[in-house]
Amino acid sequence: FLLQLCFALLAVAAPASDPAVGTAAHGNTWQYGTGGGILGFIVLVLDIIVFLEVLKSDRPVSHKVLWCLVVFLFPIVGMVIYWLFSNRAA
């Protein structure tokens, strides 16, 4: 569900097929900028939730650092990988 939500938000954020997206002098700067800003804020909040969950866990420090590094370097993909493949009960 979360992955589908992320893909849906990415599809809405900035339509890549629109030729006006690449130009700086188009009239829809607020429209395109707001969509990306909202998506970026959502990703930031979800990444902070992952960081807090990792740091509060009972994992060894090396595992905490590794998970935080993965999520920091790859925000969306790292978050999805953490939620799908980590042992969150630890």
PDB file of N, CA and C in Angstrom:
ATOM      1  N   PHE A   1       0.817  -1.197   0.000  1.00  0.00           N
ATOM      2  CA  PHE A   1       0.000   0.000   0.000  1.00  0.00           C
ATOM      3  C   PHE A   1       0.858   1.257   0.000  1.00  0.00           C
ATOM      4  N   LEU A   2       1.878   1.278   0.859  1.00  0.00           N
ATOM      5  CA  LEU A   2       2.731   2.455   0.971  1.00  0.00           C
ATOM      6  C   LEU A   2       3.498   2.702  -0.322  1.00  0.00           C
ATOM      7  N   LEU A   3       3.966   1.640  -0.945  1.00  0.00           N
ATOM      8  CA  LEU A   3       4.689   1.780  -2.200  1.00  0.00           C
ATOM      9  C   LEU A   3       3.786   2.340  -3.294  1.00  0.00           C
ATOM     10  N   GLN A   4       2.554   1.873  -3.362  1.00  0.00           N
ATOM     11  CA  GLN A   4       1.609   2.395  -4.345  1.00  0.00           C
ATOM     12  C   GLN A   4       1.322   3.864  -4.085  1.00  0.00           C
ATOM     13  N   LEU A   5       1.220   4.248  -2.815  1.00  0.00           N
ATOM     14  CA  LEU A   5       0.991   5.643  -2.469  1.00  0.00           C
ATOM     15  C   LEU A   5       2.168   6.507  -2.901  1.00  0.00           C
ATOM     16  N   CYS A   6       3.385   6.029  -2.678  1.00  0.00           N
ATOM     17  CA  CYS A   6       4.570   6.779  -3.097  1.00  0.00           C
ATOM     18  C   CYS A   6       4.607   6.954  -4.612  1.00  0.00           C
ATOM     19  N   PHE A   7       4.304   5.894  -5.352  1.00  0.00           N
ATOM     20  CA  PHE A   7       4.295   5.998  -6.810  1.00  0.00           C
ATOM     21  C   PHE A   7       3.207   6.949  -7.301  1.00  0.00           C
ATOM     22  N   ALA A   8       2.047   6.926  -6.665  1.00  0.00           N
ATOM     23  CA  ALA A   8       0.969   7.834  -7.055  1.00  0.00           C
ATOM     24  C   ALA A   8       1.366   9.280  -6.794  1.00  0.00           C
ATOM     25  N   LEU A   9       2.008   9.542  -5.663  1.00  0.00           N
ATOM     26  CA  LEU A   9       2.454  10.901  -5.363  1.00  0.00           C
ATOM     27  C   LEU A   9       3.546  11.350  -6.322  1.00  0.00           C
ATOM     28  N   LEU A  10       4.433  10.440  -6.704  1.00  0.00           N
ATOM     29  CA  LEU A  10       5.466  10.793  -7.670  1.00  0.00           C
ATOM     30  C   LEU A  10       4.869  11.118  -9.034  1.00  0.00           C
ATOM     31  N   ALA A  11       3.845  10.394  -9.428  1.00  0.00           N
ATOM     32  CA  ALA A  11       3.213  10.630 -10.725  1.00  0.00           C
ATOM     33  C   ALA A  11       2.512  11.977 -10.763  1.00  0.00           C
ATOM     34  N   VAL A  12       2.009  12.431  -9.636  1.00  0.00           N
ATOM     35  CA  VAL A  12       1.274  13.693  -9.583  1.00  0.00           C
ATOM     36  C   VAL A  12       2.214  14.872  -9.397  1.00  0.00           C
ATOM     37  N   ALA A  13       3.390  14.654  -8.821  1.00  0.00           N
ATOM     38  CA  ALA A  13       4.272  15.742  -8.413  1.00  0.00           C
ATOM     39  C   ALA A  13       4.666  16.650  -9.579  1.00  0.00           C
ATOM     40  N   ALA A  14       5.174  16.115 -10.662  1.00  0.00           N
ATOM     41  CA  ALA A  14       5.570  16.927 -11.806  1.00  0.00           C
ATOM     42  C   ALA A  14       5.423  16.097 -13.067  1.00  0.00           C
ATOM     43  N   PRO A  15       4.441  16.401 -13.881  1.00  0.00           N
ATOM     44  CA  PRO A  15       4.254  15.628 -15.110  1.00  0.00           C
ATOM     45  C   PRO A  15       5.438  15.808 -16.057  1.00  0.00           C
ATOM     46  N   ALA A  16       6.171  14.744 -16.328  1.00  0.00           N
ATOM     47  CA  ALA A  16       7.384  14.818 -17.134  1.00  0.00           C
ATOM     48  C   ALA A  16       7.082  14.998 -18.615  1.00  0.00           C
ATOM     49  N   SER A  17       5.892  14.659 -19.058  1.00  0.00           N
ATOM     50  CA  SER A  17       5.578  14.779 -20.475  1.00  0.00           C
ATOM     51  C   SER A  17       5.254  16.217 -20.876  1.00  0.00           C
ATOM     52  N   ASP A  18       5.055  17.083 -19.906  1.00  0.00           N
ATOM     53  CA  ASP A  18       4.736  18.477 -20.198  1.00  0.00           C
ATOM     54  C   ASP A  18       6.024  19.214 -20.567  1.00  0.00           C
ATOM     55  N   PRO A  19       6.130  19.783 -21.789  1.00  0.00           N
ATOM     56  CA  PRO A  19       7.365  20.466 -22.182  1.00  0.00           C
ATOM     57  C   PRO A  19       7.627  21.728 -21.369  1.00  0.00           C
ATOM     58  N   ALA A  20       6.611  22.274 -20.707  1.00  0.00           N
ATOM     59  CA  ALA A  20       6.802  23.490 -19.927  1.00  0.00           C
ATOM     60  C   ALA A  20       7.542  23.231 -18.624  1.00  0.00           C
ATOM     61  N   VAL A  21       7.665  21.988 -18.218  1.00  0.00           N
ATOM     62  CA  VAL A  21       8.342  21.682 -16.960  1.00  0.00           C
ATOM     63  C   VAL A  21       9.817  22.039 -17.054  1.00  0.00           C
ATOM     64  N   GLY A  22      10.424  21.823 -18.196  1.00  0.00           N
ATOM     65  CA  GLY A  22      11.846  22.079 -18.342  1.00  0.00           C
ATOM     66  C   GLY A  22      12.208  23.541 -18.509  1.00  0.00           C
ATOM     67  N   THR A  23      11.285  24.407 -18.823  1.00  0.00           N
ATOM     68  CA  THR A  23      11.593  25.813 -19.044  1.00  0.00           C
ATOM     69  C   THR A  23      11.351  26.610 -17.780  1.00  0.00           C
ATOM     70  N   ALA A  24      12.144  27.651 -17.604  1.00  0.00           N
ATOM     71  CA  ALA A  24      12.036  28.465 -16.388  1.00  0.00           C
ATOM     72  C   ALA A  24      10.991  29.562 -16.532  1.00  0.00           C
ATOM     73  N   ALA A  25      10.592  29.899 -17.758  1.00  0.00           N
ATOM     74  CA  ALA A  25       9.726  31.054 -17.960  1.00  0.00           C
ATOM     75  C   ALA A  25       8.281  30.680 -18.240  1.00  0.00           C
ATOM     76  N   HIS A  26       7.791  29.608 -17.691  1.00  0.00           N
ATOM     77  CA  HIS A  26       6.391  29.265 -17.917  1.00  0.00           C
ATOM     78  C   HIS A  26       5.540  29.822 -16.784  1.00  0.00           C
ATOM     79  N   GLY A  27       4.253  29.877 -16.973  1.00  0.00           N
ATOM     80  CA  GLY A  27       3.369  30.503 -16.011  1.00  0.00           C
ATOM     81  C   GLY A  27       2.903  29.612 -14.880  1.00  0.00           C
ATOM     82  N   ASN A  28       3.277  28.367 -14.876  1.00  0.00           N
ATOM     83  CA  ASN A  28       2.784  27.440 -13.857  1.00  0.00           C
ATOM     84  C   ASN A  28       3.845  27.090 -12.816  1.00  0.00           C
ATOM     85  N   THR A  29       4.718  28.019 -12.469  1.00  0.00           N
ATOM     86  CA  THR A  29       5.783  27.700 -11.521  1.00  0.00           C
ATOM     87  C   THR A  29       5.231  27.352 -10.146  1.00  0.00           C
ATOM     88  N   TRP A  30       4.182  28.015  -9.715  1.00  0.00           N
ATOM     89  CA  TRP A  30       3.606  27.713  -8.404  1.00  0.00           C
ATOM     90  C   TRP A  30       2.989  26.325  -8.398  1.00  0.00           C
ATOM     91  N   GLN A  31       2.331  25.977  -9.493  1.00  0.00           N
ATOM     92  CA  GLN A  31       1.685  24.665  -9.566  1.00  0.00           C
ATOM     93  C   GLN A  31       2.715  23.544  -9.480  1.00  0.00           C
ATOM     94  N   TYR A  32       3.774  23.619 -10.251  1.00  0.00           N
ATOM     95  CA  TYR A  32       4.772  22.552 -10.261  1.00  0.00           C
ATOM     96  C   TYR A  32       5.619  22.580  -8.994  1.00  0.00           C
ATOM     97  N   GLY A  33       5.954  23.747  -8.513  1.00  0.00           N
ATOM     98  CA  GLY A  33       6.764  23.850  -7.301  1.00  0.00           C
ATOM     99  C   GLY A  33       6.039  23.353  -6.070  1.00  0.00           C
ATOM    100  N   THR A  34       4.752  23.629  -5.958  1.00  0.00           N
ATOM    101  CA  THR A  34       3.994  23.202  -4.789  1.00  0.00           C
ATOM    102  C   THR A  34       3.873  21.690  -4.739  1.00  0.00           C
ATOM    103  N   GLY A  35       3.637  21.047  -5.874  1.00  0.00           N
ATOM    104  CA  GLY A  35       3.531  19.588  -5.885  1.00  0.00           C
ATOM    105  C   GLY A  35       4.812  18.923  -5.425  1.00  0.00           C
ATOM    106  N   GLY A  36       5.945  19.391  -5.906  1.00  0.00           N
ATOM    107  CA  GLY A  36       7.221  18.834  -5.478  1.00  0.00           C
ATOM    108  C   GLY A  36       7.522  19.134  -4.026  1.00  0.00           C
ATOM    109  N   GLY A  37       7.125  20.319  -3.563  1.00  0.00           N
ATOM    110  CA  GLY A  37       7.351  20.675  -2.163  1.00  0.00           C
ATOM    111  C   GLY A  37       6.543  19.823  -1.214  1.00  0.00           C
ATOM    112  N   ILE A  38       5.311  19.557  -1.573  1.00  0.00           N
ATOM    113  CA  ILE A  38       4.451  18.716  -0.733  1.00  0.00           C
ATOM    114  C   ILE A  38       4.994  17.292  -0.710  1.00  0.00           C
ATOM    115  N   LEU A  39       5.386  16.783  -1.855  1.00  0.00           N
ATOM    116  CA  LEU A  39       5.953  15.434  -1.922  1.00  0.00           C
ATOM    117  C   LEU A  39       7.244  15.352  -1.115  1.00  0.00           C
ATOM    118  N   GLY A  40       8.085  16.354  -1.242  1.00  0.00           N
ATOM    119  CA  GLY A  40       9.327  16.380  -0.472  1.00  0.00           C
ATOM    120  C   GLY A  40       9.078  16.413   1.024  1.00  0.00           C
ATOM    121  N   PHE A  41       8.074  17.174   1.442  1.00  0.00           N
ATOM    122  CA  PHE A  41       7.732  17.249   2.865  1.00  0.00           C
ATOM    123  C   PHE A  41       7.222  15.904   3.376  1.00  0.00           C
ATOM    124  N   ILE A  42       6.405  15.229   2.575  1.00  0.00           N
ATOM    125  CA  ILE A  42       5.886  13.911   2.970  1.00  0.00           C
ATOM    126  C   ILE A  42       7.035  12.916   3.116  1.00  0.00           C
ATOM    127  N   VAL A  43       7.969  12.929   2.167  1.00  0.00           N
ATOM    128  CA  VAL A  43       9.125  12.029   2.243  1.00  0.00           C
ATOM    129  C   VAL A  43       9.971  12.360   3.474  1.00  0.00           C
ATOM    130  N   LEU A  44      10.152  13.648   3.762  1.00  0.00           N
ATOM    131  CA  LEU A  44      10.919  14.052   4.936  1.00  0.00           C
ATOM    132  C   LEU A  44      10.287  13.536   6.224  1.00  0.00           C
ATOM    133  N   VAL A  45       8.980  13.697   6.357  1.00  0.00           N
ATOM    134  CA  VAL A  45       8.282  13.234   7.561  1.00  0.00           C
ATOM    135  C   VAL A  45       8.399  11.716   7.700  1.00  0.00           C
ATOM    136  N   LEU A  46       8.197  10.986   6.607  1.00  0.00           N
ATOM    137  CA  LEU A  46       8.301   9.525   6.666  1.00  0.00           C
ATOM    138  C   LEU A  46       9.725   9.074   6.990  1.00  0.00           C
ATOM    139  N   ASP A  47      10.732   9.782   6.461  1.00  0.00           N
ATOM    140  CA  ASP A  47      12.115   9.436   6.781  1.00  0.00           C
ATOM    141  C   ASP A  47      12.431   9.708   8.246  1.00  0.00           C
ATOM    142  N   ILE A  48      11.912  10.783   8.796  1.00  0.00           N
ATOM    143  CA  ILE A  48      12.116  11.073  10.220  1.00  0.00           C
ATOM    144  C   ILE A  48      11.480   9.986  11.077  1.00  0.00           C
ATOM    145  N   ILE A  49      10.309   9.505  10.672  1.00  0.00           N
ATOM    146  CA  ILE A  49       9.665   8.402  11.399  1.00  0.00           C
ATOM    147  C   ILE A  49      10.552   7.156  11.366  1.00  0.00           C
ATOM    148  N   VAL A  50      11.148   6.869  10.205  1.00  0.00           N
ATOM    149  CA  VAL A  50      12.045   5.712  10.097  1.00  0.00           C
ATOM    150  C   VAL A  50      13.268   5.907  10.990  1.00  0.00           C
ATOM    151  N   PHE A  51      13.870   7.112  10.970  1.00  0.00           N
ATOM    152  CA  PHE A  51      15.035   7.375  11.817  1.00  0.00           C
ATOM    153  C   PHE A  51      14.705   7.155  13.290  1.00  0.00           C
ATOM    154  N   LEU A  52      13.570   7.683  13.739  1.00  0.00           N
ATOM    155  CA  LEU A  52      13.177   7.524  15.140  1.00  0.00           C
ATOM    156  C   LEU A  52      12.943   6.057  15.487  1.00  0.00           C
ATOM    157  N   GLU A  53      12.303   5.333  14.582  1.00  0.00           N
ATOM    158  CA  GLU A  53      12.047   3.910  14.826  1.00  0.00           C
ATOM    159  C   GLU A  53      13.353   3.121  14.894  1.00  0.00           C
ATOM    160  N   VAL A  54      14.297   3.442  14.021  1.00  0.00           N
ATOM    161  CA  VAL A  54      15.587   2.747  14.028  1.00  0.00           C
ATOM    162  C   VAL A  54      16.354   3.070  15.308  1.00  0.00           C
ATOM    163  N   LEU A  55      16.397   4.337  15.680  1.00  0.00           N
ATOM    164  CA  LEU A  55      17.185   4.730  16.844  1.00  0.00           C
ATOM    165  C   LEU A  55      16.589   4.232  18.154  1.00  0.00           C
ATOM    166  N   LYS A  56      15.281   4.022  18.206  1.00  0.00           N
ATOM    167  CA  LYS A  56      14.639   3.509  19.419  1.00  0.00           C
ATOM    168  C   LYS A  56      14.683   1.987  19.511  1.00  0.00           C
ATOM    169  N   SER A  57      15.115   1.317  18.461  1.00  0.00           N
ATOM    170  CA  SER A  57      15.109  -0.148  18.447  1.00  0.00           C
ATOM    171  C   SER A  57      16.248  -0.701  19.308  1.00  0.00           C
ATOM    172  N   ASP A  58      16.206  -2.004  19.532  1.00  0.00           N
ATOM    173  CA  ASP A  58      17.225  -2.687  20.332  1.00  0.00           C
ATOM    174  C   ASP A  58      18.325  -3.294  19.464  1.00  0.00           C
ATOM    175  N   ARG A  59      18.504  -2.797  18.277  1.00  0.00           N
ATOM    176  CA  ARG A  59      19.541  -3.304  17.383  1.00  0.00           C
ATOM    177  C   ARG A  59      20.924  -2.883  17.885  1.00  0.00           C
ATOM    178  N   PRO A  60      21.964  -3.577  17.435  1.00  0.00           N
ATOM    179  CA  PRO A  60      23.328  -3.098  17.715  1.00  0.00           C
ATOM    180  C   PRO A  60      23.560  -1.748  17.036  1.00  0.00           C
ATOM    181  N   VAL A  61      24.486  -0.983  17.578  1.00  0.00           N
ATOM    182  CA  VAL A  61      24.737   0.361  17.056  1.00  0.00           C
ATOM    183  C   VAL A  61      25.144   0.316  15.589  1.00  0.00           C
ATOM    184  N   SER A  62      25.923  -0.663  15.194  1.00  0.00           N
ATOM    185  CA  SER A  62      26.355  -0.749  13.792  1.00  0.00           C
ATOM    186  C   SER A  62      25.162  -0.936  12.856  1.00  0.00           C
ATOM    187  N   HIS A  63      24.162  -1.709  13.270  1.00  0.00           N
ATOM    188  CA  HIS A  63      22.971  -1.904  12.434  1.00  0.00           C
ATOM    189  C   HIS A  63      22.145  -0.623  12.368  1.00  0.00           C
ATOM    190  N   LYS A  64      22.072   0.098  13.472  1.00  0.00           N
ATOM    191  CA  LYS A  64      21.341   1.372  13.475  1.00  0.00           C
ATOM    192  C   LYS A  64      21.988   2.367  12.516  1.00  0.00           C
ATOM    193  N   VAL A  65      23.309   2.460  12.589  1.00  0.00           N
ATOM    194  CA  VAL A  65      24.031   3.389  11.711  1.00  0.00           C
ATOM    195  C   VAL A  65      23.844   2.998  10.252  1.00  0.00           C
ATOM    196  N   LEU A  66      23.911   1.713   9.966  1.00  0.00           N
ATOM    197  CA  LEU A  66      23.750   1.247   8.588  1.00  0.00           C
ATOM    198  C   LEU A  66      22.354   1.557   8.047  1.00  0.00           C
ATOM    199  N   TRP A  67      21.303   1.286   8.834  1.00  0.00           N
ATOM    200  CA  TRP A  67      19.946   1.588   8.377  1.00  0.00           C
ATOM    201  C   TRP A  67      19.755   3.090   8.186  1.00  0.00           C
ATOM    202  N   CYS A  68      20.264   3.888   9.116  1.00  0.00           N
ATOM    203  CA  CYS A  68      20.127   5.344   8.984  1.00  0.00           C
ATOM    204  C   CYS A  68      20.873   5.854   7.755  1.00  0.00           C
ATOM    205  N   LEU A  69      22.027   5.273   7.474  1.00  0.00           N
ATOM    206  CA  LEU A  69      22.796   5.672   6.296  1.00  0.00           C
ATOM    207  C   LEU A  69      22.063   5.321   5.005  1.00  0.00           C
ATOM    208  N   VAL A  70      21.467   4.142   4.955  1.00  0.00           N
ATOM    209  CA  VAL A  70      20.708   3.733   3.764  1.00  0.00           C
ATOM    210  C   VAL A  70      19.530   4.676   3.539  1.00  0.00           C
ATOM    211  N   VAL A  71      18.798   4.992   4.599  1.00  0.00           N
ATOM    212  CA  VAL A  71      17.633   5.876   4.459  1.00  0.00           C
ATOM    213  C   VAL A  71      18.076   7.299   4.132  1.00  0.00           C
ATOM    214  N   PHE A  72      19.214   7.737   4.672  1.00  0.00           N
ATOM    215  CA  PHE A  72      19.703   9.087   4.389  1.00  0.00           C
ATOM    216  C   PHE A  72      20.166   9.221   2.939  1.00  0.00           C
ATOM    217  N   LEU A  73      20.885   8.223   2.433  1.00  0.00           N
ATOM    218  CA  LEU A  73      21.410   8.303   1.069  1.00  0.00           C
ATOM    219  C   LEU A  73      20.343   8.061   0.001  1.00  0.00           C
ATOM    220  N   PHE A  74      19.377   7.204   0.305  1.00  0.00           N
ATOM    221  CA  PHE A  74      18.310   6.871  -0.638  1.00  0.00           C
ATOM    222  C   PHE A  74      16.969   7.054   0.076  1.00  0.00           C
ATOM    223  N   PRO A  75      16.463   8.282   0.182  1.00  0.00           N
ATOM    224  CA  PRO A  75      15.306   8.552   1.048  1.00  0.00           C
ATOM    225  C   PRO A  75      14.073   7.704   0.756  1.00  0.00           C
ATOM    226  N   ILE A  76      13.615   7.661  -0.463  1.00  0.00           N
ATOM    227  CA  ILE A  76      12.376   6.938  -0.759  1.00  0.00           C
ATOM    228  C   ILE A  76      12.641   5.436  -0.815  1.00  0.00           C
ATOM    229  N   VAL A  77      13.650   5.038  -1.570  1.00  0.00           N
ATOM    230  CA  VAL A  77      13.959   3.618  -1.718  1.00  0.00           C
ATOM    231  C   VAL A  77      14.410   3.025  -0.379  1.00  0.00           C
ATOM    232  N   GLY A  78      15.241   3.755   0.361  1.00  0.00           N
ATOM    233  CA  GLY A  78      15.706   3.265   1.654  1.00  0.00           C
ATOM    234  C   GLY A  78      14.579   3.075   2.645  1.00  0.00           C
ATOM    235  N   MET A  79      13.622   3.996   2.632  1.00  0.00           N
ATOM    236  CA  MET A  79      12.465   3.891   3.522  1.00  0.00           C
ATOM    237  C   MET A  79      11.634   2.656   3.172  1.00  0.00           C
ATOM    238  N   VAL A  80      11.403   2.440   1.902  1.00  0.00           N
ATOM    239  CA  VAL A  80      10.612   1.280   1.468  1.00  0.00           C
ATOM    240  C   VAL A  80      11.356  -0.014   1.795  1.00  0.00           C
ATOM    241  N   ILE A  81      12.660  -0.046   1.543  1.00  0.00           N
ATOM    242  CA  ILE A  81      13.450  -1.237   1.866  1.00  0.00           C
ATOM    243  C   ILE A  81      13.407  -1.511   3.360  1.00  0.00           C
ATOM    244  N   TYR A  82      13.516  -0.469   4.170  1.00  0.00           N
ATOM    245  CA  TYR A  82      13.469  -0.670   5.622  1.00  0.00           C
ATOM    246  C   TYR A  82      12.133  -1.266   6.040  1.00  0.00           C
ATOM    247  N   TRP A  83      11.034  -0.696   5.551  1.00  0.00           N
ATOM    248  CA  TRP A  83       9.720  -1.181   5.969  1.00  0.00           C
ATOM    249  C   TRP A  83       9.416  -2.586   5.444  1.00  0.00           C
ATOM    250  N   LEU A  84       9.991  -2.955   4.314  1.00  0.00           N
ATOM    251  CA  LEU A  84       9.714  -4.276   3.760  1.00  0.00           C
ATOM    252  C   LEU A  84      10.637  -5.365   4.304  1.00  0.00           C
ATOM    253  N   PHE A  85      11.918  -5.051   4.487  1.00  0.00           N
ATOM    254  CA  PHE A  85      12.895  -6.102   4.739  1.00  0.00           C
ATOM    255  C   PHE A  85      13.557  -6.078   6.109  1.00  0.00           C
ATOM    256  N   SER A  86      13.330  -5.067   6.911  1.00  0.00           N
ATOM    257  CA  SER A  86      13.986  -5.053   8.221  1.00  0.00           C
ATOM    258  C   SER A  86      13.183  -5.863   9.226  1.00  0.00           C
ATOM    259  N   ASN A  87      13.863  -6.294  10.248  1.00  0.00           N
ATOM    260  CA  ASN A  87      13.194  -6.980  11.346  1.00  0.00           C
ATOM    261  C   ASN A  87      12.732  -5.888  12.310  1.00  0.00           C
ATOM    262  N   ARG A  88      11.552  -5.359  12.083  1.00  0.00           N
ATOM    263  CA  ARG A  88      11.086  -4.198  12.845  1.00  0.00           C
ATOM    264  C   ARG A  88      10.733  -4.546  14.278  1.00  0.00           C
ATOM    265  N   ALA A  89      10.617  -5.811  14.601  1.00  0.00           N
ATOM    266  CA  ALA A  89      10.324  -6.200  15.981  1.00  0.00           C
ATOM    267  C   ALA A  89      11.579  -6.128  16.851  1.00  0.00           C
ATOM    268  N   ALA A  90      12.743  -5.989  16.222  1.00  0.00           N
ATOM    269  CA  ALA A  90      14.002  -5.955  16.981  1.00  0.00           C
ATOM    270  C   ALA A  90      14.185  -4.631  17.684  1.00  0.00           C
TER     271      ALA A  90
END
